[in-house]
Each structure stands twice: as structure tokens, then as C-alpha cells.
């Protein structure tokens, strides 16, 4: 299977659909749940900028470097956010899971864990990747904690890695899960999903 072939990934509570312009209005509603674009340490589109962001992601898919998804909560059919396979390196069997955001009311509900189980399962079991990477801003403590809860390990910090829109310098934390670690990580994620949520 191609690394960039659009597909739907489905779990008990969540469906990851190939991103399309038809998701725009539901994703705008998700963005407004928490005013996510106002967070200075992450890059989340504003409602007004979402159409351009969808076009950008689909353009990168056309170039072979990204496979973007809209995340849909099955019980309500509401969009809860977006995620991608990005920086696709098929020759070296590596991908990054990133450019991910969730509406505020979906955070800390287990939906992120389910999404990552679906994405990591596809990466390791279907695409046979040797490593899956995650990157986030040093100051994005919530994202770093979520990545670490998955079982990813910190590879290092890229100092002054990028310039932010406000001119600040971003230190990027790079994490990964290796293929040999996947069986234990999968057991961990399945266990986390089996625990009752408050």
C-alpha cells in the first residue's frame, strides 16, 4: 500500500476520514470550541484561515509528503479536529504524525489515544514503517505530555529550529516510537482505552 493512498481508519468511537473541502464547516465549529488558534506556541488555523489550511494540506498530499485526515466522533458525527501523516519518507519507511489539533471538549476524553492507536497501527502493521516521529514546541507542555503518555521517547530538542509567526524562536522536541517498540506501545494504548473514563 502507498504511504499517501487516502483511506479511512475506524475505531469504536472515532473515524479518521481523508480530509476534503467538504469538512470545512464542521472543522470551523471544532476550532471555535476553545479558540484554539489563539495558542501562541502552536500553529492552528483560525476559522477564517481554515479553507487555506485544508488546501495547503491537500497540496502537500498531491506532492507525496502528507496524508491528512479529518477526525469524526462517530456517536455525534461532529468533527473533533485534524491530524496527518507528514514528512513521509517512504524510501526509509519513516513518517511523522503531526499537524494535529482537537476541539477543547474532545481533549482528555480518550479520543486522542484512539486516534494514535489507529494511526500507529496503520503505520507499523500496514505500511511497515521502522519509526514514527512526533514533534512539538518545547513550551507545548500539554502536547509533550500527551506524546509521552503514548509511549514515545524523546530523541532530542532542536534548538532554534523555527521562527514563529510572532517572531519567536521555536525549540522543537522530537519524539519517536520504533517498530520494535510497537507491540508494547500497542498493549499500553489498548489498556488505556479499556479503562473507564470519568
N, C-alpha and C. Protein backbone atom coordinates (compact mmCIF):
# COMPACT_ATOMS: atom_id res chain seq x y z
N UNK A 1 0.85 -1.20 0.00
CA UNK A 1 0.00 0.00 0.00
C UNK A 1 0.88 1.25 0.00
N UNK A 2 0.47 2.26 -0.75
CA UNK A 2 1.20 3.52 -0.82
C UNK A 2 1.06 4.29 0.48
N UNK A 3 2.12 5.01 0.85
CA UNK A 3 2.10 5.84 2.05
C UNK A 3 1.08 6.98 1.94
N UNK A 4 0.75 7.38 0.72
CA UNK A 4 -0.14 8.54 0.56
C UNK A 4 -1.50 8.17 -0.02
N UNK A 5 -1.81 6.90 -0.07
CA UNK A 5 -3.12 6.49 -0.59
C UNK A 5 -4.20 6.84 0.42
N UNK A 6 -5.18 7.70 0.05
CA UNK A 6 -6.22 8.06 1.01
C UNK A 6 -7.00 6.84 1.48
N UNK A 7 -7.28 6.82 2.77
CA UNK A 7 -8.04 5.71 3.34
C UNK A 7 -8.74 6.20 4.59
N UNK A 8 -9.74 5.43 5.03
CA UNK A 8 -10.46 5.71 6.27
C UNK A 8 -10.01 4.71 7.32
N UNK A 9 -9.69 5.22 8.51
CA UNK A 9 -9.32 4.39 9.65
C UNK A 9 -10.43 4.53 10.69
N UNK A 10 -10.90 3.40 11.20
CA UNK A 10 -12.08 3.45 12.06
C UNK A 10 -11.87 2.64 13.33
N UNK A 11 -12.21 3.26 14.47
CA UNK A 11 -12.18 2.59 15.76
C UNK A 11 -13.57 2.58 16.36
N UNK A 12 -13.70 2.19 17.63
CA UNK A 12 -15.01 2.12 18.26
C UNK A 12 -15.73 3.48 18.35
N UNK A 13 -14.98 4.54 18.63
CA UNK A 13 -15.60 5.86 18.85
C UNK A 13 -15.23 6.90 17.80
N UNK A 14 -14.26 6.59 16.98
CA UNK A 14 -13.64 7.61 16.13
C UNK A 14 -13.43 7.10 14.72
N UNK A 15 -13.62 7.99 13.75
CA UNK A 15 -13.34 7.67 12.34
C UNK A 15 -12.40 8.74 11.81
N UNK A 16 -11.31 8.32 11.21
CA UNK A 16 -10.39 9.23 10.54
C UNK A 16 -10.67 9.14 9.05
N UNK A 17 -11.20 10.23 8.50
CA UNK A 17 -11.59 10.27 7.09
C UNK A 17 -10.57 11.06 6.29
N UNK A 18 -10.36 10.70 5.01
CA UNK A 18 -9.49 11.54 4.18
C UNK A 18 -10.01 12.97 4.18
N UNK A 19 -9.15 13.92 4.50
CA UNK A 19 -9.54 15.32 4.56
C UNK A 19 -10.04 15.79 3.20
N UNK A 20 -11.11 16.58 3.20
CA UNK A 20 -11.62 17.16 1.96
C UNK A 20 -12.22 18.53 2.27
N UNK A 21 -12.40 19.37 1.26
CA UNK A 21 -13.05 20.68 1.48
C UNK A 21 -14.44 20.54 2.09
N UNK A 22 -15.10 19.40 1.92
CA UNK A 22 -16.44 19.21 2.49
C UNK A 22 -16.44 19.20 4.01
N UNK A 23 -15.27 19.01 4.64
CA UNK A 23 -15.18 19.02 6.10
C UNK A 23 -15.12 20.43 6.67
N UNK A 24 -14.99 21.44 5.82
CA UNK A 24 -14.70 22.80 6.28
C UNK A 24 -15.62 23.28 7.40
N UNK A 25 -16.92 23.26 7.19
CA UNK A 25 -17.84 23.87 8.16
C UNK A 25 -17.81 23.16 9.51
N UNK A 26 -17.74 21.82 9.49
CA UNK A 26 -17.68 21.09 10.76
C UNK A 26 -16.36 21.34 11.49
N UNK A 27 -15.28 21.53 10.73
CA UNK A 27 -13.99 21.82 11.36
C UNK A 27 -13.94 23.24 11.91
N UNK A 28 -14.62 24.18 11.27
CA UNK A 28 -14.70 25.53 11.83
C UNK A 28 -15.40 25.48 13.19
N UNK A 29 -16.47 24.70 13.28
CA UNK A 29 -17.16 24.54 14.56
C UNK A 29 -16.21 23.97 15.61
N UNK A 30 -15.38 23.00 15.21
CA UNK A 30 -14.41 22.41 16.14
C UNK A 30 -13.38 23.44 16.60
N UNK A 31 -12.91 24.28 15.68
CA UNK A 31 -11.93 25.31 16.03
C UNK A 31 -12.48 26.29 17.06
N UNK A 32 -13.75 26.60 16.94
CA UNK A 32 -14.36 27.59 17.84
C UNK A 32 -14.57 27.03 19.24
N UNK A 33 -14.46 25.72 19.39
CA UNK A 33 -14.58 25.07 20.70
C UNK A 33 -13.22 25.20 21.40
N UNK A 34 -13.00 26.34 22.02
CA UNK A 34 -11.75 26.56 22.75
C UNK A 34 -10.85 27.62 22.15
N UNK A 35 -11.28 28.26 21.04
CA UNK A 35 -10.45 29.31 20.40
C UNK A 35 -9.01 28.85 20.23
N UNK A 36 -8.84 27.67 19.65
CA UNK A 36 -7.54 27.02 19.62
C UNK A 36 -6.47 27.81 18.87
N UNK A 37 -6.86 28.59 17.88
CA UNK A 37 -5.87 29.32 17.07
C UNK A 37 -5.17 30.41 17.86
N UNK A 38 -5.64 30.72 19.07
CA UNK A 38 -5.03 31.79 19.86
C UNK A 38 -3.83 31.31 20.68
N UNK A 39 -3.56 30.02 20.67
CA UNK A 39 -2.41 29.49 21.41
C UNK A 39 -1.13 29.88 20.67
N UNK A 40 -0.25 30.63 21.31
CA UNK A 40 0.92 31.19 20.62
C UNK A 40 1.96 30.14 20.25
N UNK A 41 2.01 29.02 21.00
CA UNK A 41 3.09 28.04 20.83
C UNK A 41 2.73 26.90 19.88
N UNK A 42 1.62 27.02 19.19
CA UNK A 42 1.25 26.00 18.22
C UNK A 42 0.68 26.68 16.98
N UNK A 43 0.58 25.94 15.91
CA UNK A 43 0.11 26.51 14.65
C UNK A 43 -1.21 25.86 14.27
N UNK A 44 -2.29 26.48 14.73
CA UNK A 44 -3.64 26.00 14.44
C UNK A 44 -4.35 27.10 13.65
N UNK A 45 -4.99 26.77 12.54
CA UNK A 45 -5.60 27.82 11.72
C UNK A 45 -6.78 28.48 12.43
N UNK A 46 -6.99 29.74 12.10
CA UNK A 46 -8.20 30.43 12.56
C UNK A 46 -9.37 29.96 11.71
N UNK A 47 -10.61 30.21 12.16
CA UNK A 47 -11.76 29.84 11.31
C UNK A 47 -11.66 30.47 9.91
N UNK A 48 -11.17 31.71 9.85
CA UNK A 48 -11.05 32.39 8.55
C UNK A 48 -9.94 31.79 7.69
N UNK A 49 -8.94 31.17 8.33
CA UNK A 49 -7.82 30.61 7.59
C UNK A 49 -7.93 29.12 7.32
N UNK A 50 -9.03 28.52 7.75
CA UNK A 50 -9.13 27.06 7.65
C UNK A 50 -9.19 26.58 6.21
N UNK A 51 -9.91 27.29 5.35
CA UNK A 51 -10.01 26.84 3.95
C UNK A 51 -8.62 26.77 3.31
N UNK A 52 -7.80 27.79 3.56
CA UNK A 52 -6.43 27.80 3.02
C UNK A 52 -5.60 26.66 3.61
N UNK A 53 -5.83 26.35 4.90
CA UNK A 53 -5.09 25.26 5.53
C UNK A 53 -5.49 23.91 4.95
N UNK A 54 -6.77 23.71 4.70
CA UNK A 54 -7.21 22.47 4.04
C UNK A 54 -6.56 22.36 2.66
N UNK A 55 -6.56 23.46 1.90
CA UNK A 55 -5.94 23.45 0.57
C UNK A 55 -4.44 23.16 0.67
N UNK A 56 -3.78 23.73 1.70
CA UNK A 56 -2.33 23.51 1.87
C UNK A 56 -2.06 22.03 2.13
N UNK A 57 -2.84 21.44 3.02
CA UNK A 57 -2.63 20.03 3.35
C UNK A 57 -2.90 19.13 2.14
N UNK A 58 -3.94 19.43 1.39
CA UNK A 58 -4.24 18.63 0.20
C UNK A 58 -3.17 18.84 -0.87
N UNK A 59 -2.61 20.03 -0.93
CA UNK A 59 -1.50 20.27 -1.86
C UNK A 59 -0.27 19.44 -1.50
N UNK A 60 0.04 19.34 -0.21
CA UNK A 60 1.17 18.51 0.23
C UNK A 60 0.88 17.04 -0.03
N UNK A 61 -0.39 16.64 0.09
CA UNK A 61 -0.73 15.27 -0.26
C UNK A 61 -0.45 15.02 -1.74
N UNK A 62 -0.81 15.99 -2.59
CA UNK A 62 -0.54 15.86 -4.02
C UNK A 62 0.94 15.75 -4.34
N UNK A 63 1.78 16.34 -3.47
CA UNK A 63 3.24 16.27 -3.66
C UNK A 63 3.85 15.01 -3.04
N UNK A 64 3.03 14.24 -2.33
CA UNK A 64 3.51 12.98 -1.77
C UNK A 64 4.13 13.07 -0.38
N UNK A 65 3.99 14.22 0.30
CA UNK A 65 4.65 14.36 1.60
C UNK A 65 3.68 14.36 2.78
N UNK A 66 2.37 14.29 2.54
CA UNK A 66 1.40 14.34 3.63
C UNK A 66 0.17 13.53 3.28
N UNK A 67 -0.43 12.92 4.31
CA UNK A 67 -1.72 12.25 4.19
C UNK A 67 -2.61 12.80 5.30
N UNK A 68 -3.50 13.76 4.98
CA UNK A 68 -4.29 14.43 6.02
C UNK A 68 -5.64 13.78 6.26
N UNK A 69 -6.09 13.88 7.52
CA UNK A 69 -7.36 13.31 7.94
C UNK A 69 -8.20 14.34 8.68
N UNK A 70 -9.52 14.22 8.57
CA UNK A 70 -10.46 14.86 9.48
C UNK A 70 -10.87 13.80 10.49
N UNK A 71 -10.93 14.18 11.77
CA UNK A 71 -11.30 13.24 12.82
C UNK A 71 -12.78 13.45 13.17
N UNK A 72 -13.56 12.39 13.07
CA UNK A 72 -15.01 12.46 13.26
C UNK A 72 -15.41 11.56 14.43
N UNK A 73 -16.10 12.14 15.40
CA UNK A 73 -16.64 11.36 16.52
C UNK A 73 -17.88 10.62 16.00
N UNK A 74 -17.88 9.32 16.09
CA UNK A 74 -18.92 8.52 15.44
C UNK A 74 -20.30 8.72 16.06
N UNK A 75 -20.39 8.88 17.36
CA UNK A 75 -21.70 8.96 18.01
C UNK A 75 -22.45 10.24 17.66
N UNK A 76 -21.72 11.30 17.34
CA UNK A 76 -22.35 12.60 17.04
C UNK A 76 -22.15 13.05 15.60
N UNK A 77 -21.20 12.41 14.90
CA UNK A 77 -20.79 12.81 13.55
C UNK A 77 -20.18 14.22 13.53
N UNK A 78 -19.79 14.73 14.69
CA UNK A 78 -19.15 16.04 14.69
C UNK A 78 -17.65 15.88 14.46
N UNK A 79 -17.07 16.85 13.79
CA UNK A 79 -15.62 16.87 13.60
C UNK A 79 -14.98 17.29 14.92
N UNK A 80 -13.93 16.58 15.30
CA UNK A 80 -13.24 16.97 16.54
C UNK A 80 -11.85 17.52 16.26
N UNK A 81 -11.39 17.49 15.00
CA UNK A 81 -10.08 18.05 14.68
C UNK A 81 -9.49 17.46 13.43
N UNK A 82 -8.19 17.69 13.28
CA UNK A 82 -7.44 17.23 12.11
C UNK A 82 -6.14 16.59 12.57
N UNK A 83 -5.62 15.67 11.77
CA UNK A 83 -4.31 15.07 12.00
C UNK A 83 -3.73 14.64 10.66
N UNK A 84 -2.45 14.29 10.64
CA UNK A 84 -1.82 13.88 9.37
C UNK A 84 -0.69 12.88 9.62
N UNK A 85 -0.40 12.13 8.57
CA UNK A 85 0.93 11.56 8.37
C UNK A 85 1.67 12.62 7.57
N UNK A 86 2.83 13.04 8.03
CA UNK A 86 3.55 14.11 7.34
C UNK A 86 5.04 13.77 7.27
N UNK A 87 5.76 14.60 6.52
CA UNK A 87 7.18 14.34 6.29
C UNK A 87 7.39 12.87 5.92
N UNK A 88 6.54 12.41 5.01
CA UNK A 88 6.57 11.00 4.60
C UNK A 88 7.88 10.70 3.88
N UNK A 89 8.58 9.69 4.37
CA UNK A 89 9.85 9.25 3.77
C UNK A 89 9.69 7.76 3.47
N UNK A 90 9.00 7.46 2.37
CA UNK A 90 8.68 6.07 2.04
C UNK A 90 9.94 5.24 1.80
N UNK A 91 10.97 5.85 1.21
CA UNK A 91 12.19 5.10 0.92
C UNK A 91 12.83 4.57 2.20
N UNK A 92 12.77 5.35 3.28
CA UNK A 92 13.35 4.94 4.55
C UNK A 92 12.31 4.44 5.54
N UNK A 93 11.05 4.31 5.06
CA UNK A 93 9.95 3.77 5.86
C UNK A 93 9.78 4.50 7.19
N UNK A 94 9.71 5.84 7.08
CA UNK A 94 9.51 6.68 8.25
C UNK A 94 8.39 7.68 7.96
N UNK A 95 7.60 7.99 8.99
CA UNK A 95 6.59 9.04 8.89
C UNK A 95 6.56 9.80 10.21
N UNK A 96 5.97 10.98 10.14
CA UNK A 96 5.68 11.74 11.35
C UNK A 96 4.17 11.85 11.46
N UNK A 97 3.65 11.71 12.68
CA UNK A 97 2.26 12.03 12.95
C UNK A 97 2.26 13.42 13.54
N UNK A 98 1.55 14.35 12.87
CA UNK A 98 1.60 15.72 13.36
C UNK A 98 0.55 16.60 12.72
N UNK A 99 0.74 17.92 12.91
CA UNK A 99 -0.26 18.91 12.49
C UNK A 99 -1.63 18.51 13.03
N UNK A 100 -1.63 18.09 14.29
CA UNK A 100 -2.83 17.56 14.95
C UNK A 100 -3.40 18.59 15.90
N UNK A 101 -4.71 18.73 15.87
CA UNK A 101 -5.39 19.55 16.89
C UNK A 101 -6.78 18.95 17.14
N UNK A 102 -7.27 19.16 18.37
CA UNK A 102 -8.57 18.66 18.81
C UNK A 102 -9.39 19.79 19.39
N UNK A 103 -10.69 19.78 19.16
CA UNK A 103 -11.57 20.73 19.84
C UNK A 103 -11.41 20.55 21.35
N UNK A 104 -11.60 21.63 22.10
CA UNK A 104 -11.34 21.60 23.54
C UNK A 104 -12.16 20.54 24.25
N UNK A 105 -13.42 20.36 23.87
CA UNK A 105 -14.28 19.40 24.57
C UNK A 105 -13.92 17.95 24.27
N UNK A 106 -13.07 17.69 23.28
CA UNK A 106 -12.63 16.33 22.96
C UNK A 106 -11.31 15.98 23.64
N UNK A 107 -10.64 16.97 24.20
CA UNK A 107 -9.36 16.73 24.85
C UNK A 107 -9.57 16.00 26.17
N UNK A 108 -8.65 15.08 26.49
CA UNK A 108 -8.68 14.29 27.72
C UNK A 108 -9.90 13.36 27.78
N UNK A 109 -10.39 12.93 26.62
CA UNK A 109 -11.55 12.03 26.58
C UNK A 109 -11.19 10.62 26.10
N UNK A 110 -9.95 10.40 25.72
CA UNK A 110 -9.54 9.12 25.15
C UNK A 110 -9.56 9.11 23.64
N UNK A 111 -10.13 10.13 23.02
CA UNK A 111 -10.18 10.16 21.55
C UNK A 111 -8.79 10.31 20.95
N UNK A 112 -7.89 11.07 21.59
CA UNK A 112 -6.52 11.18 21.09
C UNK A 112 -5.83 9.82 21.14
N UNK A 113 -6.03 9.08 22.24
CA UNK A 113 -5.42 7.76 22.35
C UNK A 113 -5.93 6.84 21.24
N UNK A 114 -7.23 6.89 20.98
CA UNK A 114 -7.80 6.04 19.93
C UNK A 114 -7.26 6.44 18.55
N UNK A 115 -7.16 7.74 18.30
CA UNK A 115 -6.63 8.20 17.02
C UNK A 115 -5.19 7.73 16.82
N UNK A 116 -4.39 7.84 17.88
CA UNK A 116 -2.99 7.43 17.75
C UNK A 116 -2.87 5.92 17.59
N UNK A 117 -3.75 5.15 18.24
CA UNK A 117 -3.74 3.71 18.06
C UNK A 117 -4.05 3.35 16.60
N UNK A 118 -5.02 4.03 16.01
CA UNK A 118 -5.36 3.80 14.60
C UNK A 118 -4.20 4.17 13.68
N UNK A 119 -3.62 5.35 13.89
CA UNK A 119 -2.54 5.83 13.02
C UNK A 119 -1.28 4.98 13.18
N UNK A 120 -0.90 4.69 14.41
CA UNK A 120 0.30 3.89 14.64
C UNK A 120 0.10 2.47 14.13
N UNK A 121 -1.08 1.91 14.32
CA UNK A 121 -1.35 0.57 13.80
C UNK A 121 -1.20 0.51 12.29
N UNK A 122 -1.74 1.53 11.61
CA UNK A 122 -1.60 1.57 10.15
C UNK A 122 -0.13 1.73 9.75
N UNK A 123 0.57 2.60 10.46
CA UNK A 123 1.98 2.87 10.12
C UNK A 123 2.84 1.61 10.29
N UNK A 124 2.70 0.95 11.42
CA UNK A 124 3.59 -0.18 11.69
C UNK A 124 3.11 -1.49 11.07
N UNK A 125 1.79 -1.71 11.02
CA UNK A 125 1.29 -3.01 10.60
C UNK A 125 0.94 -3.09 9.12
N UNK A 126 0.61 -1.95 8.51
CA UNK A 126 0.27 -1.96 7.08
C UNK A 126 1.40 -1.37 6.23
N UNK A 127 1.92 -0.24 6.67
CA UNK A 127 2.99 0.42 5.91
C UNK A 127 4.37 -0.13 6.26
N UNK A 128 4.47 -0.85 7.37
CA UNK A 128 5.73 -1.45 7.84
C UNK A 128 6.83 -0.40 8.02
N UNK A 129 6.45 0.71 8.64
CA UNK A 129 7.45 1.73 8.96
C UNK A 129 8.40 1.19 10.01
N UNK A 130 9.61 1.77 10.04
CA UNK A 130 10.58 1.39 11.07
C UNK A 130 10.56 2.38 12.23
N UNK A 131 9.98 3.57 12.00
CA UNK A 131 9.89 4.57 13.07
C UNK A 131 8.79 5.56 12.74
N UNK A 132 8.09 5.99 13.77
CA UNK A 132 7.09 7.05 13.66
C UNK A 132 7.53 8.18 14.59
N UNK A 133 7.54 9.38 14.05
CA UNK A 133 8.06 10.54 14.77
C UNK A 133 6.92 11.46 15.19
N UNK A 134 7.15 12.20 16.26
CA UNK A 134 6.24 13.26 16.73
C UNK A 134 7.11 14.47 17.05
N UNK A 135 6.62 15.66 16.71
CA UNK A 135 7.36 16.88 17.03
C UNK A 135 6.40 17.90 17.64
N UNK A 136 6.91 18.65 18.60
CA UNK A 136 6.08 19.69 19.20
C UNK A 136 6.96 20.78 19.79
N UNK A 137 6.36 21.92 20.02
CA UNK A 137 7.05 23.08 20.60
C UNK A 137 7.47 22.75 22.04
N UNK A 138 8.64 23.19 22.43
CA UNK A 138 9.13 22.97 23.79
C UNK A 138 8.13 23.46 24.83
N UNK A 139 7.45 24.58 24.56
CA UNK A 139 6.52 25.15 25.53
C UNK A 139 5.11 24.54 25.46
N UNK A 140 4.88 23.64 24.53
CA UNK A 140 3.56 23.00 24.44
C UNK A 140 3.55 21.80 25.39
N UNK A 141 3.44 22.10 26.67
CA UNK A 141 3.53 21.07 27.72
C UNK A 141 2.42 20.03 27.57
N UNK A 142 1.23 20.47 27.19
CA UNK A 142 0.10 19.54 27.04
C UNK A 142 0.39 18.52 25.94
N UNK A 143 0.92 19.00 24.82
CA UNK A 143 1.24 18.11 23.72
C UNK A 143 2.39 17.16 24.10
N UNK A 144 3.40 17.69 24.76
CA UNK A 144 4.53 16.85 25.16
C UNK A 144 4.07 15.74 26.10
N UNK A 145 3.21 16.09 27.06
CA UNK A 145 2.71 15.08 27.99
C UNK A 145 1.89 14.02 27.27
N UNK A 146 1.07 14.45 26.31
CA UNK A 146 0.25 13.50 25.55
C UNK A 146 1.12 12.55 24.72
N UNK A 147 2.17 13.09 24.11
CA UNK A 147 3.08 12.25 23.31
C UNK A 147 3.80 11.25 24.22
N UNK A 148 4.23 11.70 25.38
CA UNK A 148 4.92 10.81 26.30
C UNK A 148 3.98 9.74 26.85
N UNK A 149 2.69 10.09 27.07
CA UNK A 149 1.72 9.09 27.54
C UNK A 149 1.52 7.98 26.51
N UNK A 150 1.75 8.28 25.23
CA UNK A 150 1.64 7.25 24.19
C UNK A 150 2.72 6.19 24.33
N UNK A 151 3.85 6.58 24.90
CA UNK A 151 5.00 5.68 24.98
C UNK A 151 6.13 6.11 24.08
N UNK A 152 6.00 7.27 23.42
CA UNK A 152 7.10 7.78 22.59
C UNK A 152 8.24 8.26 23.48
N UNK A 153 9.45 8.16 22.97
CA UNK A 153 10.63 8.58 23.72
C UNK A 153 11.24 9.83 23.07
N UNK A 154 11.76 10.69 23.91
CA UNK A 154 12.38 11.93 23.44
C UNK A 154 13.71 11.62 22.78
N UNK A 155 13.83 11.95 21.49
CA UNK A 155 15.09 11.77 20.77
C UNK A 155 16.02 12.96 21.01
N UNK A 156 15.44 14.14 21.18
CA UNK A 156 16.26 15.33 21.40
C UNK A 156 15.45 16.59 21.15
N UNK A 157 16.11 17.72 21.35
CA UNK A 157 15.48 19.02 21.16
C UNK A 157 16.28 19.78 20.10
N UNK A 158 15.59 20.19 19.05
CA UNK A 158 16.21 21.01 18.00
C UNK A 158 16.12 22.46 18.45
N UNK A 159 17.23 23.03 18.86
CA UNK A 159 17.25 24.39 19.40
C UNK A 159 17.13 25.40 18.27
N UNK A 160 16.34 26.45 18.49
CA UNK A 160 16.10 27.50 17.50
C UNK A 160 15.80 26.89 16.13
N UNK A 161 14.86 25.97 16.15
CA UNK A 161 14.54 25.18 14.96
C UNK A 161 13.71 25.95 13.95
N UNK A 162 12.78 26.79 14.43
CA UNK A 162 11.90 27.51 13.51
C UNK A 162 11.58 28.89 14.07
N UNK A 163 11.22 29.77 13.15
CA UNK A 163 10.72 31.08 13.52
C UNK A 163 9.20 31.04 13.56
N UNK A 164 8.62 31.49 14.66
CA UNK A 164 7.17 31.54 14.78
C UNK A 164 6.60 32.75 14.08
N UNK A 165 5.29 32.75 13.83
CA UNK A 165 4.64 33.88 13.16
C UNK A 165 4.82 35.20 13.92
N UNK A 166 4.99 35.10 15.25
CA UNK A 166 5.17 36.31 16.05
C UNK A 166 6.65 36.69 16.20
N UNK A 167 7.52 35.98 15.49
CA UNK A 167 8.95 36.28 15.53
C UNK A 167 9.72 35.51 16.60
N UNK A 168 9.02 34.77 17.46
CA UNK A 168 9.72 34.00 18.49
C UNK A 168 10.40 32.78 17.87
N UNK A 169 11.45 32.32 18.53
CA UNK A 169 12.18 31.15 18.06
C UNK A 169 11.62 29.89 18.73
N UNK A 170 11.38 28.88 17.94
CA UNK A 170 10.82 27.62 18.45
C UNK A 170 11.91 26.60 18.65
N UNK A 171 11.99 26.06 19.87
CA UNK A 171 12.76 24.85 20.13
C UNK A 171 11.79 23.69 19.94
N UNK A 172 12.15 22.73 19.10
CA UNK A 172 11.27 21.62 18.75
C UNK A 172 11.72 20.35 19.45
N UNK A 173 10.80 19.74 20.21
CA UNK A 173 11.05 18.45 20.86
C UNK A 173 10.69 17.35 19.86
N UNK A 174 11.63 16.45 19.62
CA UNK A 174 11.45 15.35 18.67
C UNK A 174 11.35 14.04 19.44
N UNK A 175 10.24 13.34 19.22
CA UNK A 175 9.99 12.05 19.87
C UNK A 175 9.84 10.99 18.78
N UNK A 176 9.98 9.72 19.17
CA UNK A 176 9.70 8.65 18.21
C UNK A 176 9.29 7.38 18.92
N UNK A 177 8.63 6.52 18.15
CA UNK A 177 8.35 5.14 18.52
C UNK A 177 8.95 4.28 17.42
N UNK A 178 9.72 3.27 17.79
CA UNK A 178 10.37 2.39 16.82
C UNK A 178 9.52 1.13 16.60
N UNK A 179 9.75 0.48 15.47
CA UNK A 179 8.95 -0.70 15.15
C UNK A 179 9.07 -1.77 16.22
N UNK A 180 10.25 -1.96 16.79
CA UNK A 180 10.42 -2.99 17.82
C UNK A 180 9.69 -2.62 19.12
N UNK A 181 9.37 -1.34 19.31
CA UNK A 181 8.65 -0.89 20.50
C UNK A 181 7.13 -0.96 20.32
N UNK A 182 6.68 -1.11 19.08
CA UNK A 182 5.26 -1.04 18.79
C UNK A 182 4.42 -2.06 19.56
N UNK A 183 4.82 -3.35 19.67
CA UNK A 183 3.96 -4.28 20.40
C UNK A 183 3.65 -3.83 21.83
N UNK A 184 4.65 -3.34 22.55
CA UNK A 184 4.41 -2.88 23.92
C UNK A 184 3.58 -1.61 23.93
N UNK A 185 3.85 -0.70 23.01
CA UNK A 185 3.08 0.54 22.93
C UNK A 185 1.62 0.23 22.61
N UNK A 186 1.40 -0.71 21.69
CA UNK A 186 0.02 -1.10 21.33
C UNK A 186 -0.71 -1.65 22.54
N UNK A 187 -0.06 -2.54 23.30
CA UNK A 187 -0.69 -3.08 24.51
C UNK A 187 -1.03 -1.96 25.49
N UNK A 188 -0.12 -1.02 25.64
CA UNK A 188 -0.33 0.11 26.55
C UNK A 188 -1.53 0.95 26.12
N UNK A 189 -1.62 1.27 24.83
CA UNK A 189 -2.73 2.10 24.34
C UNK A 189 -4.06 1.37 24.47
N UNK A 190 -4.07 0.08 24.15
CA UNK A 190 -5.31 -0.69 24.29
C UNK A 190 -5.74 -0.75 25.76
N UNK A 191 -4.78 -0.88 26.66
CA UNK A 191 -5.10 -0.88 28.09
C UNK A 191 -5.67 0.47 28.51
N UNK A 192 -5.05 1.55 28.04
CA UNK A 192 -5.55 2.89 28.39
C UNK A 192 -6.99 3.07 27.91
N UNK A 193 -7.30 2.58 26.73
CA UNK A 193 -8.65 2.72 26.19
C UNK A 193 -9.66 1.84 26.93
N UNK A 194 -9.20 0.76 27.55
CA UNK A 194 -10.11 -0.14 28.26
C UNK A 194 -10.49 0.39 29.64
N UNK A 195 -9.73 1.37 30.15
CA UNK A 195 -10.02 1.89 31.48
C UNK A 195 -11.23 2.82 31.43
N UNK A 196 -12.11 2.76 32.44
CA UNK A 196 -13.26 3.68 32.43
C UNK A 196 -12.81 5.13 32.55
N UNK A 197 -13.51 6.01 31.83
CA UNK A 197 -13.23 7.45 31.89
C UNK A 197 -14.22 8.12 32.81
N UNK A 198 -13.74 9.13 33.52
CA UNK A 198 -14.65 9.89 34.41
C UNK A 198 -15.45 10.88 33.63
